[in-house]
Amino acid sequence: MEEIVVKNLSFSYDKTTPVLSDVSFTVRRGTHISIVGHNGSGKSTLAKLLIGLLESSSGEIYIDGTILNEKTINNLRGKMCLVFQNPDNQFIGSTVEDDIAFGLENKRVPQLEMKKIIAAFAEEVGMGKYLNKEPSMLSGGQKQRVAIAGALALSPDIIIFDEAASMLDPNGKLEILNVIKRMRKSNPDLTIISITHDVEEAFISDEVIVLSQGKVVMNGRPSDIFSNRDTLKKYKLEMPFILDLKEKLKSIEINVPVSENINEVVEAICQSK
């Protein structure tokens, strides 16, 4: 079922220079798509348009068949959550528990029910043991996991990650990727949109949309999008580690599967000897 439909979307901040131009795509319910592109390609602007923080210059966005506009925005926002780039700018509460509770308190969820929800989603993102911790005691990756728990606690249909791993160290990025994988297993109907320039993050998604100069220039499966080195170079993107490794191994006549699971690749290498 189509959950998000974007039709001929355009936007400019100064009404002269377009940031997005005639962008169209569809997101099916329960899928994970990544929107990638170099800095200035329009990714973050698109995220703000999808969540209703900006109003398009032209074009339409439909959420579950309902057009996103000033009349419908309040109801539709209840279906969506946005996780921002900087974990320090998202931490509202004085503790992990307070932070996850913030959105639930705004929805006036009863205290006893709120406690159960907080505990469940803190556990889901691996932060169950940190409920009483202050933000200063957490790493960047842990803070982002708390932000994700706060979003999940509101039971959204759609979560949008706007460069959610870009300010994290390699361990922090890995934490977020693992959380996304667990989210998909525990809630197969959840729709995830990753706005990112990180090809490793994009490679675990079902579909990739490439933006360049505000336009959709490529759209397809990650293994197809990221397999052509010349095309990636044209749009200032890198090849994911697994595909880069596969290409180099193939040059020495070792064939391995295209997989996001490094263990499968290692096993294939061992079997080829």
Protein backbone atom coordinates (compact mmCIF):
# COMPACT_ATOMS: atom_id res chain seq x y z
CA MET A 1 0.00 0.00 0.00
CA GLU A 2 1.28 3.48 -0.83
CA GLU A 3 1.80 5.49 2.36
CA ILE A 4 3.63 8.55 1.03
CA VAL A 5 3.22 9.99 -2.45
CA VAL A 6 5.26 13.03 -3.49
CA LYS A 7 4.15 14.67 -6.74
CA ASN A 8 6.11 17.33 -8.65
CA LEU A 9 7.42 18.93 -5.45
CA SER A 10 9.40 22.16 -5.78
CA PHE A 11 10.74 24.56 -3.18
CA SER A 12 12.89 27.68 -2.96
CA TYR A 13 13.77 29.85 0.03
CA ASP A 14 14.12 33.10 -1.89
CA LYS A 15 11.62 32.38 -4.72
CA THR A 16 14.41 32.63 -7.29
CA THR A 17 16.88 29.78 -6.68
CA PRO A 18 15.16 26.37 -6.52
CA VAL A 19 16.33 24.03 -3.75
CA LEU A 20 14.05 21.24 -4.98
CA SER A 21 12.68 20.97 -8.50
CA ASP A 22 9.86 18.67 -9.66
CA VAL A 23 10.61 15.89 -7.15
CA SER A 24 8.32 12.84 -7.34
CA PHE A 25 8.47 9.46 -5.61
CA THR A 26 6.33 6.94 -3.73
CA VAL A 27 7.02 5.17 -0.43
CA ARG A 28 5.16 1.94 0.34
CA ARG A 29 4.04 1.17 3.87
CA GLY A 30 6.57 -0.80 5.90
CA THR A 31 9.55 -0.03 3.67
CA HIS A 32 12.83 1.65 4.48
CA ILE A 33 14.00 4.13 1.89
CA SER A 34 17.11 6.29 1.92
CA ILE A 35 17.33 9.67 0.23
CA VAL A 36 20.99 10.39 -0.49
CA GLY A 37 22.98 13.17 -2.09
CA HIS A 38 25.92 15.47 -1.57
CA ASN A 39 25.70 18.57 0.64
CA GLY A 40 23.34 21.12 -0.89
CA SER A 41 21.36 18.55 -2.88
CA GLY A 42 18.13 19.39 -1.01
CA LYS A 43 17.90 16.38 1.32
CA SER A 44 17.23 18.19 4.60
CA THR A 45 14.81 20.59 2.94
CA LEU A 46 12.87 17.57 1.67
CA ALA A 47 12.74 16.13 5.21
CA LYS A 48 11.25 19.38 6.53
CA LEU A 49 8.68 19.42 3.72
CA LEU A 50 7.65 15.83 4.45
CA ILE A 51 7.09 16.59 8.14
CA GLY A 52 5.31 19.88 7.38
CA LEU A 53 7.93 22.26 8.81
CA LEU A 54 8.14 23.97 5.41
CA GLU A 55 5.49 24.62 2.78
CA SER A 56 6.29 23.70 -0.81
CA SER A 57 6.38 26.29 -3.59
CA SER A 58 4.47 23.84 -5.80
CA GLY A 59 3.56 20.17 -5.91
CA GLU A 60 1.80 17.88 -3.45
CA ILE A 61 2.56 15.45 -0.63
CA TYR A 62 0.02 12.76 0.27
CA ILE A 63 0.15 10.77 3.50
CA ASP A 64 -2.17 7.75 3.47
CA GLY A 65 -4.15 9.37 0.66
CA THR A 66 -4.59 12.70 2.49
CA ILE A 67 -2.91 15.78 1.05
CA LEU A 68 -0.53 17.55 3.43
CA ASN A 69 -1.62 21.18 3.86
CA GLU A 70 -2.44 23.70 6.58
CA LYS A 71 -5.83 22.07 7.21
CA THR A 72 -4.53 18.51 7.60
CA ILE A 73 -1.05 19.09 9.01
CA ASN A 74 -1.90 18.69 12.70
CA ASN A 75 -3.57 15.32 12.19
CA LEU A 76 -0.90 14.05 9.80
CA ARG A 77 1.97 15.10 12.06
CA GLY A 78 0.62 12.65 14.60
CA LYS A 79 1.54 9.87 12.18
CA MET A 80 5.16 11.03 11.76
CA CYS A 81 8.28 11.69 13.83
CA LEU A 82 11.54 13.35 12.80
CA VAL A 83 14.89 12.48 14.39
CA PHE A 84 17.35 15.32 13.82
CA GLN A 85 21.07 15.39 13.11
CA ASN A 86 22.51 16.72 16.37
CA PRO A 87 21.79 14.51 19.41
CA ASP A 88 22.60 17.35 21.84
CA ASN A 89 19.87 19.54 20.34
CA GLN A 90 17.22 16.85 20.85
CA PHE A 91 17.71 15.98 24.51
CA ILE A 92 14.93 17.81 26.35
CA GLY A 93 14.64 15.98 29.67
CA SER A 94 17.07 15.97 32.60
CA THR A 95 17.29 12.16 32.40
CA VAL A 96 16.75 9.49 29.76
CA GLU A 97 13.35 8.66 31.27
CA ASP A 98 12.26 12.31 31.27
CA ASP A 99 13.30 12.72 27.65
CA ILE A 100 11.34 9.71 26.40
CA ALA A 101 8.37 10.86 28.50
CA PHE A 102 8.22 14.33 26.93
CA GLY A 103 6.03 13.48 23.94
CA LEU A 104 3.86 11.12 25.98
CA GLU A 105 3.18 13.85 28.52
CA ASN A 106 2.06 16.17 25.73
CA LYS A 107 -0.38 13.46 24.65
CA ARG A 108 -1.57 13.18 28.28
CA VAL A 109 -0.82 9.48 28.53
CA PRO A 110 -1.68 8.17 32.04
CA GLN A 111 1.35 7.87 34.33
CA LEU A 112 1.22 4.09 34.83
CA GLU A 113 0.83 3.42 31.10
CA MET A 114 3.59 5.93 30.37
CA LYS A 115 6.04 4.08 32.63
CA LYS A 116 5.39 0.84 30.75
CA ILE A 117 5.81 2.49 27.34
CA ILE A 118 9.05 4.20 28.37
CA ALA A 119 10.53 0.98 29.73
CA ALA A 120 9.54 -1.00 26.62
CA PHE A 121 11.02 1.39 24.06
CA ALA A 122 14.12 2.17 26.10
CA GLU A 123 14.75 -1.57 26.12
CA GLU A 124 14.11 -1.84 22.37
CA VAL A 125 16.89 0.63 21.58
CA GLY A 126 19.25 -0.84 24.17
CA MET A 127 18.88 1.97 26.72
CA GLY A 128 16.82 0.15 29.35
CA LYS A 129 19.62 0.33 31.93
CA TYR A 130 20.12 4.06 31.49
CA LEU A 131 16.71 5.51 32.39
CA ASN A 132 18.07 7.55 35.32
CA LYS A 133 21.20 8.74 33.50
CA GLU A 134 21.77 12.42 32.71
CA PRO A 135 22.54 13.45 29.10
CA SER A 136 26.08 14.53 30.02
CA MET A 137 26.85 10.90 30.89
CA LEU A 138 25.81 9.55 27.47
CA SER A 139 27.70 9.19 24.21
CA GLY A 140 26.38 10.70 20.98
CA GLY A 141 25.12 7.32 19.82
CA GLN A 142 23.33 6.74 23.12
CA LYS A 143 21.65 10.15 22.90
CA GLN A 144 20.43 9.37 19.39
CA ARG A 145 19.05 6.04 20.62
CA VAL A 146 17.14 7.93 23.32
CA ALA A 147 15.75 10.26 20.63
CA ILE A 148 14.64 7.22 18.62
CA ALA A 149 13.01 5.68 21.71
CA GLY A 150 11.11 8.93 22.27
CA ALA A 151 9.89 8.84 18.68
CA LEU A 152 8.88 5.16 18.82
CA ALA A 153 7.01 5.72 22.09
CA LEU A 154 4.56 7.94 20.20
CA SER A 155 3.63 4.99 17.91
CA PRO A 156 4.20 6.80 14.60
CA ASP A 157 3.49 5.23 11.23
CA ILE A 158 6.53 7.00 9.74
CA ILE A 159 9.94 7.90 11.18
CA ILE A 160 12.23 10.26 9.28
CA PHE A 161 15.93 10.30 10.15
CA ASP A 162 17.55 13.55 9.01
CA GLU A 163 21.29 12.75 8.95
CA ALA A 164 20.76 11.01 12.29
CA ALA A 165 24.18 9.30 12.24
CA SER A 166 26.26 11.99 10.55
CA MET A 167 27.68 13.55 13.74
CA LEU A 168 28.50 10.23 15.39
CA ASP A 169 31.75 8.28 15.56
CA PRO A 170 31.91 4.85 13.84
CA ASN A 171 30.64 3.03 16.94
CA GLY A 172 27.76 5.48 17.29
CA LYS A 173 26.82 5.03 13.63
CA LEU A 174 26.85 1.26 14.04
CA GLU A 175 24.56 1.58 17.07
CA ILE A 176 22.01 3.53 15.03
CA LEU A 177 22.13 1.09 12.08
CA ASN A 178 21.54 -1.82 14.45
CA VAL A 179 18.61 0.01 16.06
CA ILE A 180 17.05 0.58 12.63
CA LYS A 181 17.38 -3.13 11.84
CA ARG A 182 15.73 -4.08 15.14
CA MET A 183 12.94 -1.55 14.57
CA ARG A 184 12.12 -3.17 11.24
CA LYS A 185 11.96 -6.65 12.76
CA SER A 186 9.78 -5.64 15.70
CA ASN A 187 7.43 -3.42 13.66
CA PRO A 188 7.24 -4.50 10.00
CA ASP A 189 4.54 -1.90 9.24
CA LEU A 190 6.75 1.01 10.29
CA THR A 191 7.89 3.18 7.39
CA ILE A 192 11.43 4.55 7.70
CA ILE A 193 12.92 7.37 5.64
CA SER A 194 16.64 8.01 6.07
CA ILE A 195 17.90 11.37 4.80
CA THR A 196 21.64 10.76 4.59
CA HIS A 197 24.91 11.15 2.75
CA ASP A 198 26.24 7.99 4.45
CA VAL A 199 26.20 5.19 1.88
CA GLU A 200 26.60 2.51 4.56
CA GLU A 201 23.37 3.70 6.18
CA ALA A 202 21.64 3.81 2.80
CA PHE A 203 22.84 0.34 1.83
CA ILE A 204 20.67 -1.37 4.48
CA SER A 205 17.47 0.19 3.09
CA ASP A 206 15.00 -1.33 0.61
CA GLU A 207 15.23 1.51 -1.87
CA VAL A 208 17.51 4.47 -2.54
CA ILE A 209 16.59 7.84 -4.06
CA VAL A 210 19.52 9.98 -5.21
CA LEU A 211 19.13 13.77 -5.21
CA SER A 212 21.45 16.09 -7.10
CA GLN A 213 20.92 19.83 -7.44
CA GLY A 214 17.40 19.44 -6.10
CA LYS A 215 16.29 16.77 -8.57
CA VAL A 216 15.78 13.01 -8.39
CA VAL A 217 18.49 11.57 -10.63
CA MET A 218 18.38 7.89 -9.60
CA ASN A 219 15.89 5.60 -7.89
CA GLY A 220 16.22 1.87 -7.23
CA ARG A 221 17.61 -0.95 -5.10
CA PRO A 222 20.79 -0.19 -3.13
CA SER A 223 22.74 -2.96 -4.89
CA ASP A 224 21.88 -1.39 -8.26
CA ILE A 225 22.37 2.25 -7.27
CA PHE A 226 25.74 1.75 -5.61
CA SER A 227 27.31 -0.74 -8.03
CA ASN A 228 28.43 1.75 -10.70
CA ARG A 229 31.55 3.57 -9.55
CA ASP A 230 31.49 6.12 -12.40
CA THR A 231 27.89 7.11 -11.68
CA LEU A 232 28.62 7.42 -7.97
CA LYS A 233 31.57 9.68 -8.72
CA LYS A 234 29.35 11.86 -10.91
CA TYR A 235 26.98 12.46 -7.99
CA LYS A 236 29.77 12.72 -5.37
CA LEU A 237 28.87 9.47 -3.62
CA GLU A 238 31.11 6.68 -2.40
CA MET A 239 30.71 2.95 -2.93
CA PRO A 240 29.61 1.04 0.21
CA PHE A 241 32.36 -1.03 1.81
CA ILE A 242 30.76 -4.39 0.95
CA LEU A 243 30.38 -3.56 -2.75
CA ASP A 244 33.87 -2.09 -2.90
CA LEU A 245 35.25 -5.27 -1.33
CA LYS A 246 33.22 -7.45 -3.71
CA GLU A 247 34.60 -5.55 -6.71
CA LYS A 248 38.20 -5.88 -5.53
CA LEU A 249 37.81 -9.58 -4.75
CA LYS A 250 36.27 -10.19 -8.15
CA SER A 251 39.43 -8.75 -9.74
CA ILE A 252 41.35 -11.65 -8.18
CA GLU A 253 38.66 -14.17 -9.16
CA ILE A 254 36.96 -14.47 -5.78
CA ASN A 255 33.18 -14.10 -6.05
CA VAL A 256 31.16 -13.16 -2.97
CA PRO A 257 27.44 -12.38 -2.55
CA VAL A 258 26.05 -8.86 -2.35
CA SER A 259 25.08 -8.71 1.31
CA GLU A 260 24.98 -6.16 4.12
CA ASN A 261 26.08 -8.98 6.45
CA ILE A 262 29.88 -8.99 6.60
CA ASN A 263 29.84 -12.49 8.14
CA GLU A 264 28.23 -13.90 4.98
CA VAL A 265 30.94 -12.25 2.90
CA VAL A 266 33.73 -13.62 5.12
CA GLU A 267 32.21 -17.11 4.93
CA ALA A 268 32.06 -16.90 1.13
CA ILE A 269 35.72 -15.85 1.00
CA CYS A 270 36.73 -18.78 3.22
CA GLN A 271 34.77 -21.25 1.08
CA SER A 272 36.43 -19.99 -2.09
CA LYS A 273 39.89 -20.98 -0.90
